[in-house]
Each structure stands twice: as C-alpha cells, then as structure tokens.
N, C-alpha and C. Protein backbone atom coordinates (compact mmCIF):
# COMPACT_ATOMS: atom_id res chain seq x y z
N MET A 1 -8.81 19.57 -14.00
CA MET A 1 -7.23 20.39 -14.22
C MET A 1 -6.16 19.27 -14.56
N PRO A 2 -5.49 19.45 -15.68
CA PRO A 2 -4.45 18.95 -16.10
C PRO A 2 -3.42 19.04 -15.04
N SER A 3 -2.34 18.10 -15.38
CA SER A 3 -1.10 17.90 -14.80
C SER A 3 -0.16 17.89 -15.00
N ILE A 4 0.84 18.50 -15.01
CA ILE A 4 2.69 18.55 -15.60
C ILE A 4 3.39 17.92 -15.07
N ILE A 5 4.04 16.88 -15.49
CA ILE A 5 5.02 16.06 -14.56
C ILE A 5 6.49 16.25 -15.10
N LEU A 6 6.80 17.19 -14.45
CA LEU A 6 8.38 17.55 -14.78
C LEU A 6 9.62 16.91 -14.73
N ALA A 7 9.60 16.28 -13.30
CA ALA A 7 10.86 15.00 -12.77
C ALA A 7 10.41 13.78 -13.19
N PRO A 8 11.65 13.06 -13.50
CA PRO A 8 11.86 11.93 -14.09
C PRO A 8 10.67 10.94 -12.43
N ILE A 9 10.22 10.00 -12.91
CA ILE A 9 9.68 8.99 -12.02
C ILE A 9 9.60 7.60 -12.06
N LYS A 10 10.02 7.10 -11.00
CA LYS A 10 10.19 5.63 -10.60
C LYS A 10 9.45 5.09 -10.41
N VAL A 11 8.46 4.05 -10.62
CA VAL A 11 7.71 3.44 -10.27
C VAL A 11 8.63 2.06 -9.65
N THR A 12 8.25 1.40 -8.96
CA THR A 12 8.57 0.31 -8.15
C THR A 12 7.76 -1.02 -7.82
N GLY A 13 6.22 -0.52 -7.75
CA GLY A 13 5.32 -1.19 -7.43
C GLY A 13 4.49 -0.75 -7.09
N ASN A 14 3.15 -1.27 -7.44
CA ASN A 14 2.00 -0.48 -7.51
C ASN A 14 0.67 -1.36 -7.43
N ALA A 15 0.16 -1.69 -6.27
CA ALA A 15 -1.08 -2.38 -5.75
C ALA A 15 -2.01 -1.56 -5.68
N GLY A 16 -2.40 -0.20 -5.92
CA GLY A 16 -3.47 0.12 -6.06
C GLY A 16 -3.36 1.35 -7.13
N GLU A 17 -4.16 2.59 -6.77
CA GLU A 17 -3.99 3.48 -8.18
C GLU A 17 -2.73 4.45 -8.27
N LEU A 18 -2.61 5.00 -8.99
CA LEU A 18 -1.94 6.11 -9.61
C LEU A 18 -2.03 6.71 -10.25
N VAL A 19 -2.68 8.06 -9.96
CA VAL A 19 -3.15 9.02 -10.40
C VAL A 19 -2.23 10.34 -10.63
N PHE A 20 -2.49 10.73 -11.88
CA PHE A 20 -1.78 12.65 -12.08
C PHE A 20 -3.17 12.77 -12.71
N GLY A 21 -3.14 14.26 -11.85
CA GLY A 21 -4.13 14.82 -12.55
C GLY A 21 -5.46 15.23 -11.50
N ASP A 22 -6.35 15.60 -12.08
CA ASP A 22 -7.70 15.84 -11.16
C ASP A 22 -8.56 14.56 -10.80
N VAL A 23 -9.18 14.42 -9.79
CA VAL A 23 -10.06 13.07 -9.44
C VAL A 23 -10.82 13.46 -8.46
N LEU A 24 -11.63 13.05 -8.49
CA LEU A 24 -13.32 13.34 -7.95
C LEU A 24 -13.32 12.82 -6.96
N GLN A 25 -13.07 11.08 -7.14
CA GLN A 25 -13.08 10.62 -6.00
C GLN A 25 -12.55 9.25 -6.23
N ILE A 26 -11.56 8.64 -5.42
CA ILE A 26 -11.10 7.22 -5.65
C ILE A 26 -11.41 6.54 -4.34
N THR A 27 -12.11 5.29 -5.03
CA THR A 27 -12.94 4.27 -3.74
C THR A 27 -11.77 2.95 -4.14
N PRO A 28 -11.98 2.28 -2.98
CA PRO A 28 -11.24 1.02 -3.38
C PRO A 28 -12.05 -0.42 -4.17
N LYS A 29 -11.46 -1.07 -4.74
CA LYS A 29 -12.52 -2.06 -5.33
C LYS A 29 -12.31 -3.55 -4.48
N SER A 30 -11.40 -3.44 -4.04
CA SER A 30 -10.62 -4.74 -3.41
C SER A 30 -10.13 -4.44 -2.20
N THR A 31 -9.87 -4.95 -1.30
CA THR A 31 -9.01 -4.82 0.16
C THR A 31 -8.26 -5.97 0.42
N SER A 32 -7.55 -6.07 1.18
CA SER A 32 -6.72 -6.94 1.40
C SER A 32 -6.04 -6.81 2.86
N LYS A 33 -5.09 -7.85 3.19
CA LYS A 33 -4.64 -7.47 4.78
C LYS A 33 -3.16 -8.72 4.84
N ALA A 34 -2.07 -7.77 5.05
CA ALA A 34 -0.99 -8.67 4.94
C ALA A 34 -0.33 -8.44 6.43
N ASN A 35 0.29 -9.77 6.84
CA ASN A 35 1.16 -9.53 8.14
C ASN A 35 2.69 -9.93 7.57
N ALA A 36 3.57 -8.83 8.05
CA ALA A 36 5.01 -8.80 7.95
C ALA A 36 5.78 -8.73 9.25
N GLY A 37 7.05 -8.93 9.34
CA GLY A 37 7.67 -8.74 10.29
C GLY A 37 8.70 -7.44 10.15
N ALA A 38 9.45 -6.92 11.16
CA ALA A 38 10.25 -5.87 11.12
C ALA A 38 10.87 -6.07 9.60
N GLY A 39 10.87 -5.11 8.81
CA GLY A 39 11.48 -5.01 7.87
C GLY A 39 11.15 -5.90 6.66
N GLY A 40 10.06 -6.79 6.44
CA GLY A 40 9.19 -7.53 5.63
C GLY A 40 9.24 -6.95 4.19
N THR A 41 8.46 -5.75 4.39
CA THR A 41 7.92 -5.15 3.37
C THR A 41 9.03 -4.11 2.98
N ASN A 42 10.40 -3.69 3.23
CA ASN A 42 10.61 -2.88 2.66
C ASN A 42 11.48 -2.69 1.04
N THR A 43 11.40 -1.32 0.54
CA THR A 43 11.41 -1.89 -0.94
C THR A 43 12.18 -1.08 -1.20
N GLY A 44 13.24 -0.53 -2.48
CA GLY A 44 14.11 0.41 -2.64
C GLY A 44 15.74 0.01 -3.20
N ASP A 45 16.07 0.96 -3.55
CA ASP A 45 17.22 0.57 -4.20
C ASP A 45 17.87 0.05 -3.12
N PHE A 46 18.36 0.65 -2.40
CA PHE A 46 19.82 0.38 -1.01
C PHE A 46 19.23 0.37 0.01
N SER A 47 18.54 -0.93 0.85
CA SER A 47 17.42 -0.63 1.71
C SER A 47 18.29 -2.21 2.32
N ALA A 48 18.60 -1.41 3.82
CA ALA A 48 19.02 -2.91 4.80
C ALA A 48 18.75 -2.63 6.01
N THR A 49 18.13 -3.86 6.57
CA THR A 49 17.49 -4.41 7.73
C THR A 49 18.27 -4.46 8.69
N PHE A 50 18.42 -4.48 9.98
CA PHE A 50 19.30 -5.01 11.29
C PHE A 50 18.15 -4.94 12.48
N THR A 51 17.68 -6.45 11.90
CA THR A 51 16.38 -6.39 13.62
C THR A 51 17.29 -7.55 14.16
N LEU A 52 17.16 -7.90 15.41
CA LEU A 52 17.80 -8.78 16.85
C LEU A 52 16.58 -9.93 17.08
N ILE A 53 15.40 -9.36 16.65
CA ILE A 53 14.34 -9.97 17.43
C ILE A 53 12.90 -8.96 16.90
N SER A 54 12.28 -10.12 16.05
CA SER A 54 10.72 -9.78 15.34
C SER A 54 9.62 -10.59 15.72
N PHE A 55 8.86 -9.89 15.97
CA PHE A 55 7.45 -10.44 16.30
C PHE A 55 6.38 -10.34 15.90
N THR A 56 5.64 -10.88 15.28
CA THR A 56 4.37 -10.47 14.25
C THR A 56 2.57 -10.83 14.63
N ASN A 57 2.21 -10.38 15.42
CA ASN A 57 0.76 -10.48 16.13
C ASN A 57 -0.14 -10.92 15.20
N THR A 58 -0.11 -12.23 14.64
CA THR A 58 -1.19 -12.23 13.55
C THR A 58 -2.78 -12.42 13.97
N ILE A 59 -2.84 -12.44 15.38
CA ILE A 59 -4.25 -12.63 15.91
C ILE A 59 -5.37 -11.59 15.41
N ASP A 60 -6.33 -11.89 15.07
CA ASP A 60 -7.28 -11.22 14.35
C ASP A 60 -8.97 -11.35 14.76
N PRO A 61 -9.27 -10.78 16.03
CA PRO A 61 -10.55 -11.11 16.18
C PRO A 61 -12.00 -10.47 15.55
N ASP A 62 -11.43 -9.18 14.41
CA ASP A 62 -12.72 -8.96 13.75
C ASP A 62 -12.92 -9.93 12.58
N VAL A 63 -14.01 -9.79 12.23
CA VAL A 63 -15.18 -10.71 11.35
C VAL A 63 -14.35 -9.83 10.27
N ALA A 64 -14.56 -8.70 9.61
CA ALA A 64 -14.22 -7.92 8.61
C ALA A 64 -13.77 -6.49 9.13
N ASP A 65 -12.52 -6.49 8.65
CA ASP A 65 -11.65 -5.06 8.73
C ASP A 65 -12.02 -4.11 7.81
N SER A 66 -12.56 -4.41 6.62
CA SER A 66 -12.26 -3.37 5.38
C SER A 66 -13.57 -4.26 4.63
N ASN A 67 -14.91 -3.19 4.75
CA ASN A 67 -16.00 -3.24 3.78
C ASN A 67 -16.01 -2.52 2.77
N ASN A 68 -15.78 -3.06 1.55
CA ASN A 68 -16.36 -1.92 0.37
C ASN A 68 -17.13 -2.77 -0.64
N ALA A 69 -18.36 -3.50 0.03
CA ALA A 69 -19.25 -3.97 -0.64
C ALA A 69 -20.12 -2.77 -1.88
N GLY A 70 -19.99 -1.41 -0.99
CA GLY A 70 -20.92 -0.29 -1.78
C GLY A 70 -19.83 0.21 -3.10
N ASN A 71 -18.52 -0.04 -3.24
CA ASN A 71 -17.23 0.52 -3.93
C ASN A 71 -17.62 0.18 -5.54
N ASN A 72 -18.04 -1.34 -5.68
CA ASN A 72 -17.88 -2.08 -6.98
C ASN A 72 -19.00 -2.05 -7.42
C-alpha cells in the first residue's frame, strides 16, 4: 500500500533504512557498536547538554554482540 507524506520532512542524519510505505521485512546488512558519554550523540537544531561528570563503561566481555551473517 503506498504512503502519502503530507508534512515537511527534515532528515538530519541516517545510518540505516529510511522507508516510507509498505515493507515485508527489513533486516540489517551490517551492525556496529559505539561508546559515547552523556550527551555525546545528541543531535538537533537547539540541543544543550549540561553534565558535570560522565563515565562510559567500554568493557565488553562478549565475543559477538550482533550476528547478521544470514542477512546478507
């Protein structure tokens, strides 16, 4: 079924799928992991972050977090 988009759309960033309309199945073709502190990935026109202390735990004992070998 087609979709009709009537509102204005502002895309500030896209690292994956951007789909308008019908879709049967969307599977990721790649995966990644990022570590960021408090407010490190905030996006927008008027974003402000006030953080006194921020700690990011980067210890990851897992060998594989996201397996998508069958999706390619």
